[in-house]
Amino acid sequence: MLGGLELGHVAQPVQAAQSCRIKGNVSIATGERIYHVPGQADYERTKIRPSYGERWFCSEAEARRAGWRRATN
């Protein structure tokens, strides 16, 4: 890890490609990395802020490999 970024990690653009619809969100309260999939309760209101380390994922497997957990709602 270097300056808060994982080495070898390529940042996703702010607007993801059509197939990359999973939102990786960082909890302000805890710093926990949580991902949201389309259809979940908080998906539509979740915003991706790359300056906070948030990003898009193309699959749940990709999100889990990067150390994120699925939202419980």
Foldseek 3Di string as FASTA:
>chain_A
DPPPDDPPDDAADQDHDPQFQKKWDQDPVPRATEIEHPPDPCSVVDHADVVSVIGTGNDPVVCVVVPYYYDPD
